[in-house]
């Protein structure tokens, strides 16, 4: 199971850094993603990182969000810059494709205008 943290209330244009760890320690999957779910909307993939391959992003966050891992490989990170009110959502990490039994509680990101 994954545990996300770092969400907060921030003004538009601000930045946040999210973190994700696996309850068992090291991230167990080489293909990981950050997902988000806004109120009344379906959960969507916003960033994906596949080890030794590269990263990809949803069009809505391209150029503003960066997915990475820490040097030890046990934490998945999401750096979010130039935040917009439409980025408001609960953010989750999971494998790609997601493992249904591994969804965590998520972390709330709220961007005020």
N, C-alpha and C. Protein backbone atom coordinates (compact mmCIF):
# COMPACT_ATOMS: atom_id res chain seq x y z
N UNK A 1 0.84 -1.18 0.00
CA UNK A 1 0.00 0.00 0.00
C UNK A 1 0.89 1.24 0.00
N UNK A 2 0.43 2.27 -0.68
CA UNK A 2 1.21 3.49 -0.79
C UNK A 2 0.69 4.56 0.17
N UNK A 3 1.61 5.41 0.62
CA UNK A 3 1.27 6.49 1.54
C UNK A 3 1.75 7.80 0.93
N UNK A 4 0.82 8.71 0.69
CA UNK A 4 1.13 9.99 0.07
C UNK A 4 1.14 11.09 1.13
N UNK A 5 1.95 12.13 0.88
CA UNK A 5 2.00 13.28 1.78
C UNK A 5 2.45 14.51 1.01
N UNK A 6 2.29 15.64 1.67
CA UNK A 6 2.76 16.90 1.09
C UNK A 6 1.68 17.83 0.59
N UNK A 7 0.45 17.37 0.55
CA UNK A 7 -0.63 18.22 0.08
C UNK A 7 -0.88 19.39 1.03
N UNK A 8 -1.43 20.46 0.47
CA UNK A 8 -1.65 21.66 1.28
C UNK A 8 -2.57 22.61 0.53
N UNK A 9 -2.88 23.70 1.18
CA UNK A 9 -3.60 24.80 0.55
C UNK A 9 -2.57 25.81 0.07
N UNK A 10 -2.64 26.17 -1.21
CA UNK A 10 -1.65 27.08 -1.78
C UNK A 10 -2.36 28.04 -2.74
N UNK A 11 -1.80 29.21 -2.90
CA UNK A 11 -2.37 30.17 -3.85
C UNK A 11 -1.98 29.82 -5.28
N UNK A 12 -2.80 30.24 -6.21
CA UNK A 12 -2.47 30.04 -7.62
C UNK A 12 -1.10 30.62 -7.92
N UNK A 13 -0.33 29.88 -8.70
CA UNK A 13 1.03 30.30 -9.02
C UNK A 13 2.08 29.73 -8.08
N UNK A 14 1.63 29.14 -6.99
CA UNK A 14 2.54 28.58 -6.01
C UNK A 14 3.03 27.19 -6.38
N UNK A 15 3.81 26.59 -5.48
CA UNK A 15 4.42 25.28 -5.71
C UNK A 15 4.18 24.36 -4.52
N UNK A 16 4.18 23.08 -4.80
CA UNK A 16 4.11 22.05 -3.77
C UNK A 16 4.94 20.86 -4.21
N UNK A 17 5.43 20.11 -3.24
CA UNK A 17 6.15 18.88 -3.53
C UNK A 17 5.47 17.74 -2.80
N UNK A 18 5.02 16.76 -3.53
CA UNK A 18 4.37 15.59 -2.95
C UNK A 18 5.34 14.43 -2.85
N UNK A 19 5.11 13.58 -1.84
CA UNK A 19 5.94 12.39 -1.66
C UNK A 19 5.06 11.16 -1.53
N UNK A 20 5.62 10.04 -1.93
CA UNK A 20 4.90 8.76 -1.86
C UNK A 20 5.90 7.68 -1.45
N UNK A 21 5.53 6.93 -0.42
CA UNK A 21 6.35 5.80 -0.01
C UNK A 21 5.47 4.56 0.02
N UNK A 22 6.11 3.42 -0.08
CA UNK A 22 5.39 2.16 0.04
C UNK A 22 5.44 1.72 1.49
N UNK A 23 4.36 1.16 1.97
CA UNK A 23 4.30 0.77 3.38
C UNK A 23 5.35 -0.26 3.72
N UNK A 24 5.80 -0.99 2.73
CA UNK A 24 6.81 -2.01 3.00
C UNK A 24 8.23 -1.52 2.85
N UNK A 25 8.41 -0.23 2.50
CA UNK A 25 9.76 0.29 2.35
C UNK A 25 10.04 0.73 0.93
N UNK A 26 10.84 0.00 0.22
CA UNK A 26 11.26 0.39 -1.11
C UNK A 26 10.08 0.31 -2.09
N UNK A 27 10.01 1.25 -3.02
CA UNK A 27 8.97 1.22 -4.04
C UNK A 27 9.08 -0.10 -4.80
N UNK A 28 7.99 -0.86 -4.85
CA UNK A 28 8.06 -2.22 -5.40
C UNK A 28 7.92 -2.30 -6.90
N UNK A 29 7.64 -1.17 -7.53
CA UNK A 29 7.29 -1.22 -8.94
C UNK A 29 8.16 -0.25 -9.71
N UNK A 30 8.63 -0.65 -10.88
CA UNK A 30 9.50 0.21 -11.68
C UNK A 30 8.71 1.19 -12.54
N UNK A 31 7.43 0.97 -12.70
CA UNK A 31 6.57 1.82 -13.52
C UNK A 31 5.52 2.40 -12.58
N UNK A 32 5.71 3.66 -12.20
CA UNK A 32 4.87 4.30 -11.19
C UNK A 32 4.21 5.54 -11.76
N UNK A 33 3.09 5.90 -11.15
CA UNK A 33 2.40 7.10 -11.59
C UNK A 33 1.82 7.90 -10.45
N UNK A 34 1.61 9.17 -10.71
CA UNK A 34 0.82 10.03 -9.83
C UNK A 34 -0.54 10.23 -10.51
N UNK A 35 -1.57 10.08 -9.71
CA UNK A 35 -2.94 10.23 -10.19
C UNK A 35 -3.63 11.31 -9.35
N UNK A 36 -4.71 11.83 -9.85
CA UNK A 36 -5.49 12.77 -9.05
C UNK A 36 -6.98 12.60 -9.34
N UNK A 37 -7.76 12.96 -8.35
CA UNK A 37 -9.21 12.90 -8.50
C UNK A 37 -9.81 14.17 -7.92
N UNK A 38 -10.42 14.94 -8.79
CA UNK A 38 -11.11 16.17 -8.39
C UNK A 38 -12.56 15.83 -8.05
N UNK A 39 -13.21 16.65 -7.24
CA UNK A 39 -14.60 16.39 -6.88
C UNK A 39 -15.49 16.22 -8.11
N UNK A 40 -16.24 15.13 -8.13
CA UNK A 40 -17.17 14.89 -9.23
C UNK A 40 -16.53 14.40 -10.51
N UNK A 41 -15.24 14.13 -10.47
CA UNK A 41 -14.55 13.68 -11.69
C UNK A 41 -13.90 12.32 -11.46
N UNK A 42 -13.56 11.67 -12.54
CA UNK A 42 -12.86 10.39 -12.45
C UNK A 42 -11.39 10.60 -12.12
N UNK A 43 -10.81 9.61 -11.51
CA UNK A 43 -9.38 9.65 -11.23
C UNK A 43 -8.62 9.62 -12.55
N UNK A 44 -7.58 10.44 -12.64
CA UNK A 44 -6.81 10.52 -13.87
C UNK A 44 -5.32 10.43 -13.58
N UNK A 45 -4.59 9.92 -14.54
CA UNK A 45 -3.14 9.85 -14.45
C UNK A 45 -2.57 11.21 -14.87
N UNK A 46 -1.70 11.77 -14.04
CA UNK A 46 -1.09 13.06 -14.39
C UNK A 46 0.38 12.95 -14.71
N UNK A 47 1.07 11.95 -14.17
CA UNK A 47 2.50 11.80 -14.43
C UNK A 47 2.88 10.35 -14.25
N UNK A 48 3.82 9.92 -15.06
CA UNK A 48 4.23 8.52 -15.04
C UNK A 48 5.74 8.46 -15.17
N UNK A 49 6.36 7.57 -14.42
CA UNK A 49 7.80 7.37 -14.50
C UNK A 49 8.09 5.89 -14.61
N UNK A 50 8.76 5.51 -15.69
CA UNK A 50 9.17 4.12 -15.86
C UNK A 50 10.68 4.07 -15.81
N UNK A 51 11.19 3.32 -14.86
CA UNK A 51 12.64 3.24 -14.65
C UNK A 51 13.34 2.86 -15.94
N UNK A 52 14.45 3.56 -16.20
CA UNK A 52 15.32 3.29 -17.35
C UNK A 52 14.65 3.59 -18.68
N UNK A 53 13.45 4.18 -18.62
CA UNK A 53 12.75 4.53 -19.87
C UNK A 53 12.51 6.03 -19.93
N UNK A 54 11.82 6.56 -18.95
CA UNK A 54 11.58 7.99 -18.94
C UNK A 54 10.28 8.35 -18.27
N UNK A 55 9.83 9.57 -18.52
CA UNK A 55 8.64 10.11 -17.88
C UNK A 55 7.66 10.63 -18.93
N UNK A 56 6.40 10.70 -18.53
CA UNK A 56 5.38 11.28 -19.39
C UNK A 56 4.35 11.99 -18.52
N UNK A 57 3.66 12.96 -19.12
CA UNK A 57 2.75 13.81 -18.36
C UNK A 57 1.45 14.05 -19.13
N UNK A 58 0.39 14.27 -18.37
CA UNK A 58 -0.85 14.70 -18.99
C UNK A 58 -0.64 16.09 -19.58
N UNK A 59 -1.34 16.40 -20.65
CA UNK A 59 -1.19 17.70 -21.30
C UNK A 59 -1.44 18.85 -20.33
N UNK A 60 -2.36 18.63 -19.40
CA UNK A 60 -2.76 19.70 -18.48
C UNK A 60 -1.67 20.08 -17.50
N UNK A 61 -0.67 19.22 -17.29
CA UNK A 61 0.39 19.51 -16.33
C UNK A 61 1.77 19.57 -16.96
N UNK A 62 1.85 19.27 -18.25
CA UNK A 62 3.14 19.27 -18.95
C UNK A 62 3.84 20.60 -18.76
N UNK A 63 5.10 20.54 -18.39
CA UNK A 63 5.89 21.75 -18.20
C UNK A 63 5.76 22.38 -16.83
N UNK A 64 4.82 21.90 -16.02
CA UNK A 64 4.62 22.45 -14.68
C UNK A 64 4.93 21.42 -13.60
N UNK A 65 4.67 20.14 -13.86
CA UNK A 65 4.89 19.07 -12.90
C UNK A 65 6.10 18.24 -13.31
N UNK A 66 6.82 17.72 -12.30
CA UNK A 66 7.95 16.84 -12.55
C UNK A 66 7.88 15.65 -11.61
N UNK A 67 7.91 14.45 -12.19
CA UNK A 67 7.90 13.21 -11.40
C UNK A 67 9.32 12.69 -11.31
N UNK A 68 9.69 12.20 -10.14
CA UNK A 68 11.04 11.68 -9.95
C UNK A 68 11.04 10.77 -8.73
N UNK A 69 12.20 10.17 -8.46
CA UNK A 69 12.38 9.43 -7.21
C UNK A 69 13.60 10.01 -6.49
N UNK A 70 13.68 9.75 -5.21
CA UNK A 70 14.86 10.18 -4.48
C UNK A 70 16.02 9.24 -4.81
N UNK A 71 17.20 9.58 -4.34
CA UNK A 71 18.39 8.82 -4.73
C UNK A 71 18.34 7.37 -4.28
N UNK A 72 17.71 7.11 -3.17
CA UNK A 72 17.66 5.74 -2.68
C UNK A 72 16.55 4.93 -3.35
N UNK A 73 15.71 5.61 -4.11
CA UNK A 73 14.66 4.89 -4.83
C UNK A 73 13.49 4.44 -3.99
N UNK A 74 13.38 4.95 -2.77
CA UNK A 74 12.28 4.50 -1.93
C UNK A 74 11.17 5.53 -1.79
N UNK A 75 11.29 6.64 -2.50
CA UNK A 75 10.26 7.67 -2.43
C UNK A 75 9.98 8.19 -3.84
N UNK A 76 8.70 8.23 -4.19
CA UNK A 76 8.28 8.83 -5.45
C UNK A 76 7.88 10.27 -5.18
N UNK A 77 8.36 11.17 -6.00
CA UNK A 77 8.14 12.59 -5.79
C UNK A 77 7.33 13.19 -6.93
N UNK A 78 6.62 14.26 -6.61
CA UNK A 78 5.95 15.05 -7.64
C UNK A 78 6.14 16.52 -7.29
N UNK A 79 6.95 17.20 -8.07
CA UNK A 79 7.14 18.63 -7.90
C UNK A 79 6.11 19.35 -8.77
N UNK A 80 5.32 20.19 -8.14
CA UNK A 80 4.25 20.90 -8.85
C UNK A 80 4.50 22.40 -8.77
N UNK A 81 4.68 23.02 -9.91
CA UNK A 81 4.92 24.46 -9.98
C UNK A 81 3.79 25.14 -10.75
N UNK A 82 3.72 26.43 -10.61
CA UNK A 82 2.71 27.23 -11.32
C UNK A 82 1.31 26.63 -11.16
N UNK A 83 0.98 26.32 -9.93
CA UNK A 83 -0.29 25.64 -9.68
C UNK A 83 -1.48 26.51 -10.05
N UNK A 84 -2.53 25.83 -10.52
CA UNK A 84 -3.76 26.48 -10.96
C UNK A 84 -4.93 25.95 -10.13
N UNK A 85 -5.99 26.72 -10.02
CA UNK A 85 -7.16 26.22 -9.27
C UNK A 85 -7.66 24.87 -9.79
N UNK A 86 -7.53 24.64 -11.08
CA UNK A 86 -7.98 23.36 -11.64
C UNK A 86 -7.09 22.18 -11.27
N UNK A 87 -5.97 22.43 -10.59
CA UNK A 87 -5.14 21.35 -10.07
C UNK A 87 -5.66 20.84 -8.72
N UNK A 88 -6.67 21.50 -8.18
CA UNK A 88 -7.25 21.08 -6.92
C UNK A 88 -7.81 19.67 -7.03
N UNK A 89 -7.35 18.78 -6.17
CA UNK A 89 -7.74 17.37 -6.22
C UNK A 89 -7.06 16.63 -5.08
N UNK A 90 -7.48 15.38 -4.90
CA UNK A 90 -6.73 14.46 -4.05
C UNK A 90 -5.74 13.73 -4.95
N UNK A 91 -4.49 13.73 -4.54
CA UNK A 91 -3.43 13.13 -5.34
C UNK A 91 -3.01 11.80 -4.74
N UNK A 92 -2.84 10.82 -5.62
CA UNK A 92 -2.47 9.46 -5.23
C UNK A 92 -1.27 8.99 -6.06
N UNK A 93 -0.53 8.06 -5.51
CA UNK A 93 0.47 7.37 -6.30
C UNK A 93 0.08 5.89 -6.36
N UNK A 94 0.54 5.24 -7.42
CA UNK A 94 0.28 3.81 -7.60
C UNK A 94 1.12 3.35 -8.76
N UNK A 95 1.10 2.07 -8.98
CA UNK A 95 1.79 1.56 -10.14
C UNK A 95 1.05 1.93 -11.41
N UNK A 96 1.69 1.66 -12.55
CA UNK A 96 1.03 1.83 -13.83
C UNK A 96 1.11 0.51 -14.58
N UNK A 97 -0.05 -0.08 -14.90
CA UNK A 97 -1.38 0.33 -14.50
C UNK A 97 -1.57 0.20 -12.99
N UNK A 98 -2.53 0.89 -12.43
CA UNK A 98 -2.68 0.89 -10.97
C UNK A 98 -3.07 -0.48 -10.42
N UNK A 99 -2.60 -0.73 -9.21
CA UNK A 99 -2.94 -1.95 -8.48
C UNK A 99 -4.08 -1.58 -7.54
N UNK A 100 -5.23 -2.14 -7.77
CA UNK A 100 -6.44 -1.71 -7.06
C UNK A 100 -6.31 -1.84 -5.56
N UNK A 101 -5.64 -2.86 -5.09
CA UNK A 101 -5.52 -3.08 -3.64
C UNK A 101 -4.48 -2.17 -3.00
N UNK A 102 -3.77 -1.37 -3.79
CA UNK A 102 -2.67 -0.56 -3.26
C UNK A 102 -2.98 0.92 -3.15
N UNK A 103 -4.20 1.32 -3.50
CA UNK A 103 -4.53 2.74 -3.36
C UNK A 103 -4.40 3.17 -1.89
N UNK A 104 -3.77 4.30 -1.68
CA UNK A 104 -3.66 4.86 -0.35
C UNK A 104 -4.76 5.88 -0.11
N UNK A 105 -4.58 6.67 0.94
CA UNK A 105 -5.57 7.68 1.30
C UNK A 105 -5.48 8.92 0.42
N UNK A 106 -4.34 9.10 -0.19
CA UNK A 106 -4.13 10.29 -1.00
C UNK A 106 -3.78 11.49 -0.15
N UNK A 107 -3.42 12.56 -0.82
CA UNK A 107 -3.11 13.81 -0.13
C UNK A 107 -3.82 14.96 -0.85
N UNK A 108 -4.47 15.81 -0.08
CA UNK A 108 -5.31 16.86 -0.66
C UNK A 108 -4.47 18.06 -1.07
N UNK A 109 -4.65 18.46 -2.32
CA UNK A 109 -4.04 19.69 -2.83
C UNK A 109 -5.18 20.65 -3.17
N UNK A 110 -5.14 21.82 -2.58
CA UNK A 110 -6.16 22.83 -2.86
C UNK A 110 -5.45 24.11 -3.31
N UNK A 111 -5.83 24.59 -4.48
CA UNK A 111 -5.23 25.79 -5.04
C UNK A 111 -6.29 26.88 -5.10
N UNK A 112 -6.04 27.95 -4.37
CA UNK A 112 -7.00 29.06 -4.33
C UNK A 112 -6.66 30.09 -5.40
N UNK A 113 -7.71 30.73 -5.92
CA UNK A 113 -7.49 31.72 -6.98
C UNK A 113 -7.26 33.10 -6.40
